[in-house]
């Protein structure tokens, strides 16, 4: 497996998929014109990664805005990860949000409620971080 990095654009988040560290980073805004096409290689990478994951896999998700089709990607991602709980890799999801961004905080709470088997940690972004 190789490191995959997608640079942030006006409509898409920065994405880093690092198999050596077992880290998935998604940061920025997510409202691509075609979310399915944009996120398809990301899901394929994650599915391949989980054939031989690290002992600890961390997802750091720090979105400031996402549209409904990006929400569908997140739902599918969390559903995939929930089906891997109890496997050889511990999975931790850090849902990072600005304290003033109620929409992102509430989305994190909804994902926590929808996927109780996942370790989704709501983390308020510290200023300057």
Protein backbone atom coordinates (compact mmCIF):
# COMPACT_ATOMS: atom_id res chain seq x y z
CA UNK A 1 0.00 0.00 0.00
CA UNK A 2 1.14 3.49 -0.80
CA UNK A 3 0.63 6.83 0.83
CA UNK A 4 -2.19 8.73 -0.88
CA UNK A 5 -2.55 12.50 -0.66
CA UNK A 6 -5.22 14.64 -2.28
CA UNK A 7 -4.66 18.37 -2.05
CA UNK A 8 -7.42 20.61 -0.79
CA UNK A 9 -9.36 22.57 -3.39
CA UNK A 10 -12.13 25.13 -3.12
CA UNK A 11 -14.70 22.29 -3.09
CA UNK A 12 -12.80 19.28 -1.72
CA UNK A 13 -10.92 18.52 1.49
CA UNK A 14 -7.28 17.71 2.02
CA UNK A 15 -7.01 13.94 2.33
CA UNK A 16 -4.03 11.92 3.52
CA UNK A 17 -4.12 8.15 3.72
CA UNK A 18 -0.98 6.81 5.41
CA UNK A 19 -0.77 3.02 5.68
CA UNK A 20 2.53 3.03 7.60
CA UNK A 21 1.16 5.18 10.42
CA UNK A 22 -2.40 3.85 10.15
CA UNK A 23 -3.76 7.38 9.81
CA UNK A 24 -6.53 8.81 7.67
CA UNK A 25 -6.81 12.63 7.60
CA UNK A 26 -9.74 14.50 6.08
CA UNK A 27 -9.69 18.30 6.54
CA UNK A 28 -11.48 21.25 5.00
CA UNK A 29 -14.70 21.67 3.01
CA UNK A 30 -16.39 18.83 1.19
CA UNK A 31 -18.86 19.63 -1.52
CA UNK A 32 -17.42 18.17 -4.71
CA UNK A 33 -19.52 18.25 -7.85
CA UNK A 34 -19.66 14.44 -7.83
CA UNK A 35 -19.00 13.07 -4.33
CA UNK A 36 -19.29 9.46 -5.44
CA UNK A 37 -16.53 9.86 -8.03
CA UNK A 38 -14.38 11.96 -5.70
CA UNK A 39 -14.58 9.55 -2.76
CA UNK A 40 -14.55 6.28 -4.72
CA UNK A 41 -10.71 5.95 -4.73
CA UNK A 42 -10.65 6.89 -1.03
CA UNK A 43 -13.06 4.07 -0.12
CA UNK A 44 -11.15 1.64 -2.31
CA UNK A 45 -7.91 2.58 -0.56
CA UNK A 46 -9.51 2.14 2.88
CA UNK A 47 -11.01 -1.23 1.90
CA UNK A 48 -7.59 -2.40 0.69
CA UNK A 49 -5.88 -1.02 3.79
CA UNK A 50 -8.15 -3.05 6.07
CA UNK A 51 -6.98 -6.28 4.46
CA UNK A 52 -3.78 -5.78 6.50
CA UNK A 53 -4.24 -2.80 8.85
CA UNK A 54 -1.99 -1.43 11.57
CA UNK A 55 -2.87 -2.42 15.15
CA UNK A 56 -4.28 1.10 15.67
CA UNK A 57 -6.04 3.00 12.91
CA UNK A 58 -6.83 6.69 13.51
CA UNK A 59 -9.18 8.78 11.45
CA UNK A 60 -8.81 12.51 12.01
CA UNK A 61 -11.82 14.21 10.45
CA UNK A 62 -11.81 18.01 10.60
CA UNK A 63 -14.44 19.25 8.21
CA UNK A 64 -15.74 22.80 8.41
CA UNK A 65 -18.57 22.11 5.96
CA UNK A 66 -19.89 19.15 4.00
CA UNK A 67 -22.89 18.66 1.76
CA UNK A 68 -25.43 15.84 1.86
CA UNK A 69 -23.60 13.66 -0.67
CA UNK A 70 -20.40 13.99 1.38
CA UNK A 71 -22.48 13.01 4.41
CA UNK A 72 -23.43 9.85 2.52
CA UNK A 73 -19.72 9.07 2.04
CA UNK A 74 -19.11 9.54 5.78
CA UNK A 75 -22.07 7.32 6.60
CA UNK A 76 -20.76 4.61 4.25
CA UNK A 77 -17.27 4.98 5.68
CA UNK A 78 -18.47 4.65 9.27
CA UNK A 79 -20.67 1.70 8.37
CA UNK A 80 -17.65 -0.01 6.78
CA UNK A 81 -15.53 0.72 9.88
CA UNK A 82 -18.24 -0.41 12.28
CA UNK A 83 -18.23 -3.78 10.51
CA UNK A 84 -14.51 -4.02 11.33
CA UNK A 85 -14.81 -3.33 15.05
CA UNK A 86 -13.45 -6.18 17.10
CA UNK A 87 -11.03 -7.13 14.32
CA UNK A 88 -7.24 -6.96 14.46
CA UNK A 89 -7.15 -3.14 14.29
CA UNK A 90 -8.39 -0.79 16.99
CA UNK A 91 -10.21 2.09 15.26
CA UNK A 92 -10.35 5.60 16.72
CA UNK A 93 -12.21 8.42 14.98
CA UNK A 94 -11.31 11.94 16.07
CA UNK A 95 -14.17 14.22 14.97
CA UNK A 96 -12.50 17.63 15.25
CA UNK A 97 -14.62 20.78 15.09
CA UNK A 98 -14.53 24.47 15.90
CA UNK A 99 -16.49 25.28 19.06
CA UNK A 100 -18.56 27.82 17.08
CA UNK A 101 -19.51 25.34 14.33
CA UNK A 102 -22.71 23.83 15.71
CA UNK A 103 -23.51 22.04 12.45
CA UNK A 104 -20.30 20.00 12.51
CA UNK A 105 -20.61 19.30 16.24
CA UNK A 106 -24.18 18.05 15.78
CA UNK A 107 -23.14 15.90 12.82
CA UNK A 108 -20.50 14.28 15.03
CA UNK A 109 -23.09 13.62 17.72
CA UNK A 110 -25.42 12.08 15.15
CA UNK A 111 -22.66 9.79 13.88
CA UNK A 112 -21.91 8.77 17.48
CA UNK A 113 -25.57 7.86 17.99
CA UNK A 114 -25.85 6.07 14.64
CA UNK A 115 -22.65 4.03 15.12
CA UNK A 116 -22.42 3.14 18.83
CA UNK A 117 -19.79 0.42 18.24
CA UNK A 118 -17.35 3.00 16.87
CA UNK A 119 -15.02 5.01 19.10
CA UNK A 120 -15.96 8.46 17.78
CA UNK A 121 -14.37 11.16 19.89
CA UNK A 122 -15.73 14.70 19.61
CA UNK A 123 -12.77 17.07 19.92
CA UNK A 124 -13.05 20.84 20.06
CA UNK A 125 -10.33 22.40 17.93
CA UNK A 126 -7.89 24.42 20.00
CA UNK A 127 -7.23 27.93 18.65
CA UNK A 128 -4.02 28.08 16.68
CA UNK A 129 -3.94 24.33 16.08
